[in-house]
Amino acid sequence: MQKPDYHIFVCASFRGTEAKGKCIKKESLQLIPYLEEELADRGMNAMVSSTGCLKLCEEGPVMVVYPQGYWYRGVENEGAVDEILEALEEGKAAEKYLLT
């Protein structure tokens, strides 16, 4: 595997061994298969990982894109994922979801 251009982290709300935060309650993990499928369909070289709690529960679901360092909030559906990926393809941030 070659080094990915993007590493996308999706908050899974784990604190220790239990999912306690709000992202998972807002079905953040349901975004991962969609993200992986879209990345493949778009031919984007990226890796997707779930994370422990990112401690931004009120902003969730939260997604982080590296190496760009974009932190996204309110990524609640496939439409949001599409907007974020389209912006990445254009070499910019999806301002609508960007955590500032």
N, C-alpha and C. Protein backbone atom coordinates (compact mmCIF):
# COMPACT_ATOMS: atom_id res chain seq x y z
N MET A 1 0.85 -1.18 0.00
CA MET A 1 0.00 0.00 0.00
C MET A 1 0.89 1.24 0.00
N GLN A 2 0.55 2.17 -0.85
CA GLN A 2 1.29 3.43 -0.85
C GLN A 2 0.72 4.37 0.20
N LYS A 3 1.53 5.32 0.59
CA LYS A 3 1.10 6.29 1.60
C LYS A 3 -0.13 7.04 1.07
N PRO A 4 -1.19 7.12 1.88
CA PRO A 4 -2.40 7.81 1.42
C PRO A 4 -2.21 9.32 1.36
N ASP A 5 -2.93 9.95 0.45
CA ASP A 5 -2.92 11.41 0.36
C ASP A 5 -3.72 12.03 1.50
N TYR A 6 -4.72 11.29 1.95
CA TYR A 6 -5.59 11.76 3.03
C TYR A 6 -5.79 10.64 4.04
N HIS A 7 -5.87 11.02 5.31
CA HIS A 7 -6.28 10.08 6.35
C HIS A 7 -7.47 10.73 7.03
N ILE A 8 -8.61 10.07 6.92
CA ILE A 8 -9.86 10.61 7.44
C ILE A 8 -10.25 9.84 8.70
N PHE A 9 -10.44 10.59 9.77
CA PHE A 9 -10.81 10.02 11.06
C PHE A 9 -12.27 10.36 11.36
N VAL A 10 -13.03 9.35 11.75
CA VAL A 10 -14.44 9.54 12.11
C VAL A 10 -14.58 9.21 13.59
N CYS A 11 -15.13 10.15 14.35
CA CYS A 11 -15.28 9.95 15.79
C CYS A 11 -16.27 8.82 16.07
N ALA A 12 -15.80 7.85 16.88
CA ALA A 12 -16.64 6.73 17.28
C ALA A 12 -17.04 6.82 18.75
N SER A 13 -16.70 7.92 19.40
CA SER A 13 -17.15 8.22 20.75
C SER A 13 -16.61 7.34 21.86
N PHE A 14 -15.60 6.53 21.60
CA PHE A 14 -15.11 5.65 22.65
C PHE A 14 -14.30 6.42 23.68
N ARG A 15 -14.64 6.17 24.93
CA ARG A 15 -13.90 6.69 26.08
C ARG A 15 -13.55 5.46 26.90
N GLY A 16 -12.32 5.03 26.78
CA GLY A 16 -11.95 3.75 27.37
C GLY A 16 -12.44 2.65 26.45
N THR A 17 -13.23 1.73 27.00
CA THR A 17 -13.71 0.61 26.19
C THR A 17 -15.18 0.75 25.79
N GLU A 18 -15.81 1.86 26.17
CA GLU A 18 -17.23 2.04 25.86
C GLU A 18 -17.47 3.29 25.03
N ALA A 19 -18.43 3.15 24.10
CA ALA A 19 -18.84 4.31 23.31
C ALA A 19 -19.83 5.12 24.14
N LYS A 20 -19.41 6.30 24.60
CA LYS A 20 -20.25 7.09 25.50
C LYS A 20 -20.64 8.45 24.94
N GLY A 21 -19.97 8.90 23.91
CA GLY A 21 -20.23 10.23 23.39
C GLY A 21 -21.42 10.28 22.46
N LYS A 22 -21.61 11.44 21.87
CA LYS A 22 -22.79 11.67 21.03
C LYS A 22 -22.60 11.30 19.57
N CYS A 23 -21.36 11.29 19.09
CA CYS A 23 -21.15 11.00 17.67
C CYS A 23 -21.70 9.63 17.28
N ILE A 24 -21.41 8.63 18.10
CA ILE A 24 -21.89 7.28 17.77
C ILE A 24 -23.42 7.21 17.87
N LYS A 25 -23.99 7.98 18.78
CA LYS A 25 -25.45 8.02 18.91
C LYS A 25 -26.09 8.70 17.70
N LYS A 26 -25.30 9.52 17.02
CA LYS A 26 -25.76 10.17 15.79
C LYS A 26 -25.32 9.37 14.56
N GLU A 27 -24.97 8.09 14.80
CA GLU A 27 -24.64 7.12 13.76
C GLU A 27 -23.41 7.47 12.94
N SER A 28 -22.39 8.00 13.60
CA SER A 28 -21.15 8.35 12.90
C SER A 28 -20.51 7.15 12.21
N LEU A 29 -20.60 5.98 12.82
CA LEU A 29 -19.97 4.81 12.22
C LEU A 29 -20.63 4.38 10.91
N GLN A 30 -21.87 4.78 10.71
CA GLN A 30 -22.56 4.46 9.46
C GLN A 30 -21.94 5.21 8.28
N LEU A 31 -21.18 6.27 8.57
CA LEU A 31 -20.54 7.05 7.52
C LEU A 31 -19.31 6.34 6.93
N ILE A 32 -18.69 5.46 7.70
CA ILE A 32 -17.43 4.86 7.26
C ILE A 32 -17.58 4.03 5.99
N PRO A 33 -18.53 3.10 5.89
CA PRO A 33 -18.65 2.35 4.64
C PRO A 33 -18.95 3.26 3.44
N TYR A 34 -19.77 4.28 3.67
CA TYR A 34 -20.09 5.21 2.58
C TYR A 34 -18.83 5.98 2.17
N LEU A 35 -18.07 6.45 3.15
CA LEU A 35 -16.82 7.17 2.86
C LEU A 35 -15.88 6.30 2.04
N GLU A 36 -15.68 5.07 2.46
CA GLU A 36 -14.77 4.17 1.76
C GLU A 36 -15.22 3.91 0.33
N GLU A 37 -16.51 3.73 0.15
CA GLU A 37 -17.06 3.49 -1.19
C GLU A 37 -16.88 4.73 -2.08
N GLU A 38 -17.20 5.89 -1.54
CA GLU A 38 -17.06 7.14 -2.31
C GLU A 38 -15.61 7.42 -2.67
N LEU A 39 -14.70 7.19 -1.74
CA LEU A 39 -13.28 7.41 -2.01
C LEU A 39 -12.81 6.51 -3.14
N ALA A 40 -13.23 5.25 -3.12
CA ALA A 40 -12.87 4.31 -4.18
C ALA A 40 -13.48 4.75 -5.51
N ASP A 41 -14.76 5.10 -5.51
CA ASP A 41 -15.45 5.54 -6.74
C ASP A 41 -14.80 6.78 -7.34
N ARG A 42 -14.30 7.66 -6.49
CA ARG A 42 -13.68 8.90 -6.95
C ARG A 42 -12.19 8.73 -7.26
N GLY A 43 -11.66 7.55 -6.96
CA GLY A 43 -10.25 7.28 -7.21
C GLY A 43 -9.32 8.07 -6.30
N MET A 44 -9.81 8.40 -5.11
CA MET A 44 -9.01 9.17 -4.15
C MET A 44 -8.17 8.21 -3.30
N ASN A 45 -6.91 8.54 -3.13
CA ASN A 45 -5.99 7.73 -2.34
C ASN A 45 -6.12 8.16 -0.87
N ALA A 46 -6.96 7.45 -0.12
CA ALA A 46 -7.24 7.84 1.26
C ALA A 46 -7.46 6.62 2.14
N MET A 47 -7.25 6.83 3.42
CA MET A 47 -7.50 5.82 4.44
C MET A 47 -8.53 6.38 5.40
N VAL A 48 -9.44 5.53 5.87
CA VAL A 48 -10.47 5.94 6.82
C VAL A 48 -10.30 5.14 8.10
N SER A 49 -10.34 5.83 9.24
CA SER A 49 -10.23 5.18 10.55
C SER A 49 -11.27 5.74 11.50
N SER A 50 -11.77 4.88 12.38
CA SER A 50 -12.61 5.37 13.47
C SER A 50 -11.69 5.76 14.61
N THR A 51 -12.14 6.66 15.45
CA THR A 51 -11.32 7.12 16.57
C THR A 51 -12.07 6.99 17.89
N GLY A 52 -11.33 7.20 18.94
CA GLY A 52 -11.96 7.38 20.24
C GLY A 52 -12.62 8.75 20.25
N CYS A 53 -13.18 9.12 21.35
CA CYS A 53 -13.88 10.40 21.49
C CYS A 53 -12.93 11.55 21.18
N LEU A 54 -13.39 12.47 20.34
CA LEU A 54 -12.61 13.66 20.00
C LEU A 54 -12.99 14.85 20.88
N LYS A 55 -13.88 14.61 21.84
CA LYS A 55 -14.27 15.60 22.85
C LYS A 55 -14.90 16.87 22.28
N LEU A 56 -15.65 16.68 21.21
CA LEU A 56 -16.42 17.76 20.61
C LEU A 56 -17.86 17.29 20.41
N CYS A 57 -18.38 16.66 21.44
CA CYS A 57 -19.68 15.99 21.35
C CYS A 57 -20.80 16.87 20.83
N GLU A 58 -20.85 18.11 21.26
CA GLU A 58 -21.93 18.99 20.84
C GLU A 58 -21.84 19.35 19.36
N GLU A 59 -20.69 19.11 18.75
CA GLU A 59 -20.47 19.44 17.34
C GLU A 59 -20.65 18.23 16.43
N GLY A 60 -20.87 17.06 16.99
CA GLY A 60 -20.82 15.81 16.25
C GLY A 60 -21.96 15.55 15.30
N PRO A 61 -21.74 14.56 14.48
CA PRO A 61 -20.54 13.76 14.31
C PRO A 61 -19.37 14.59 13.79
N VAL A 62 -18.19 14.24 14.29
CA VAL A 62 -16.96 14.96 13.95
C VAL A 62 -16.10 14.07 13.05
N MET A 63 -15.49 14.71 12.06
CA MET A 63 -14.60 14.02 11.13
C MET A 63 -13.37 14.91 10.94
N VAL A 64 -12.18 14.30 10.91
CA VAL A 64 -10.93 15.04 10.76
C VAL A 64 -10.19 14.52 9.54
N VAL A 65 -9.64 15.43 8.74
CA VAL A 65 -8.90 15.05 7.54
C VAL A 65 -7.45 15.52 7.69
N TYR A 66 -6.53 14.57 7.58
CA TYR A 66 -5.10 14.88 7.62
C TYR A 66 -4.47 14.46 6.31
N PRO A 67 -3.42 15.12 5.85
CA PRO A 67 -2.57 16.06 6.58
C PRO A 67 -3.08 17.50 6.56
N GLN A 68 -4.23 17.74 5.93
CA GLN A 68 -4.74 19.11 5.83
C GLN A 68 -5.10 19.70 7.18
N GLY A 69 -5.47 18.87 8.13
CA GLY A 69 -5.84 19.36 9.46
C GLY A 69 -7.23 19.96 9.51
N TYR A 70 -8.10 19.53 8.59
CA TYR A 70 -9.48 20.02 8.59
C TYR A 70 -10.29 19.25 9.62
N TRP A 71 -10.94 19.97 10.52
CA TRP A 71 -11.84 19.37 11.51
C TRP A 71 -13.26 19.76 11.09
N TYR A 72 -14.08 18.75 10.84
CA TYR A 72 -15.45 18.99 10.41
C TYR A 72 -16.45 18.62 11.50
N ARG A 73 -17.51 19.39 11.58
CA ARG A 73 -18.58 19.17 12.56
C ARG A 73 -19.89 18.92 11.82
N GLY A 74 -20.82 18.30 12.49
CA GLY A 74 -22.15 18.10 11.92
C GLY A 74 -22.17 17.26 10.66
N VAL A 75 -21.27 16.29 10.57
CA VAL A 75 -21.22 15.41 9.40
C VAL A 75 -22.24 14.30 9.65
N GLU A 76 -23.50 14.62 9.39
CA GLU A 76 -24.59 13.73 9.80
C GLU A 76 -25.14 12.84 8.70
N ASN A 77 -24.70 13.03 7.46
CA ASN A 77 -25.30 12.23 6.40
C ASN A 77 -24.37 12.14 5.19
N GLU A 78 -24.80 11.37 4.20
CA GLU A 78 -24.00 11.16 3.00
C GLU A 78 -23.81 12.45 2.21
N GLY A 79 -24.78 13.33 2.24
CA GLY A 79 -24.66 14.60 1.54
C GLY A 79 -23.51 15.43 2.09
N ALA A 80 -23.35 15.43 3.40
CA ALA A 80 -22.24 16.15 4.02
C ALA A 80 -20.91 15.54 3.61
N VAL A 81 -20.85 14.21 3.59
CA VAL A 81 -19.63 13.52 3.17
C VAL A 81 -19.30 13.90 1.73
N ASP A 82 -20.31 13.91 0.86
CA ASP A 82 -20.10 14.28 -0.54
C ASP A 82 -19.53 15.68 -0.67
N GLU A 83 -20.08 16.63 0.07
CA GLU A 83 -19.59 18.01 0.01
C GLU A 83 -18.13 18.10 0.48
N ILE A 84 -17.79 17.37 1.51
CA ILE A 84 -16.43 17.38 2.03
C ILE A 84 -15.47 16.76 1.02
N LEU A 85 -15.85 15.63 0.42
CA LEU A 85 -14.98 14.99 -0.57
C LEU A 85 -14.83 15.84 -1.83
N GLU A 86 -15.91 16.48 -2.25
CA GLU A 86 -15.83 17.36 -3.42
C GLU A 86 -14.86 18.51 -3.16
N ALA A 87 -14.91 19.07 -1.98
CA ALA A 87 -13.99 20.16 -1.64
C ALA A 87 -12.55 19.64 -1.63
N LEU A 88 -12.31 18.46 -1.07
CA LEU A 88 -10.96 17.90 -1.07
C LEU A 88 -10.44 17.71 -2.49
N GLU A 89 -11.32 17.24 -3.37
CA GLU A 89 -10.92 17.05 -4.76
C GLU A 89 -10.53 18.38 -5.41
N GLU A 90 -11.12 19.46 -4.95
CA GLU A 90 -10.82 20.79 -5.47
C GLU A 90 -9.66 21.45 -4.72
N GLY A 91 -9.11 20.74 -3.74
CA GLY A 91 -7.97 21.24 -3.00
C GLY A 91 -8.32 22.29 -1.95
N LYS A 92 -9.54 22.23 -1.43
CA LYS A 92 -9.93 23.21 -0.42
C LYS A 92 -10.78 22.55 0.66
N ALA A 93 -11.12 23.32 1.68
CA ALA A 93 -11.95 22.84 2.78
C ALA A 93 -13.42 23.06 2.44
N ALA A 94 -14.28 22.22 2.99
CA ALA A 94 -15.73 22.40 2.88
C ALA A 94 -16.13 23.35 4.01
N GLU A 95 -16.14 24.62 3.72
CA GLU A 95 -16.35 25.66 4.73
C GLU A 95 -17.62 25.48 5.56
N LYS A 96 -18.67 24.97 4.95
CA LYS A 96 -19.96 24.80 5.63
C LYS A 96 -19.85 23.94 6.89
N TYR A 97 -18.95 22.96 6.87
CA TYR A 97 -18.82 22.01 7.98
C TYR A 97 -17.56 22.24 8.81
N LEU A 98 -16.72 23.15 8.39
CA LEU A 98 -15.44 23.36 9.03
C LEU A 98 -15.60 23.86 10.46
N LEU A 99 -14.91 23.22 11.38
CA LEU A 99 -14.90 23.64 12.77
C LEU A 99 -13.85 24.72 12.91
N THR A 100 -14.30 25.89 13.38
CA THR A 100 -13.35 27.01 13.48
C THR A 100 -13.10 27.39 14.93
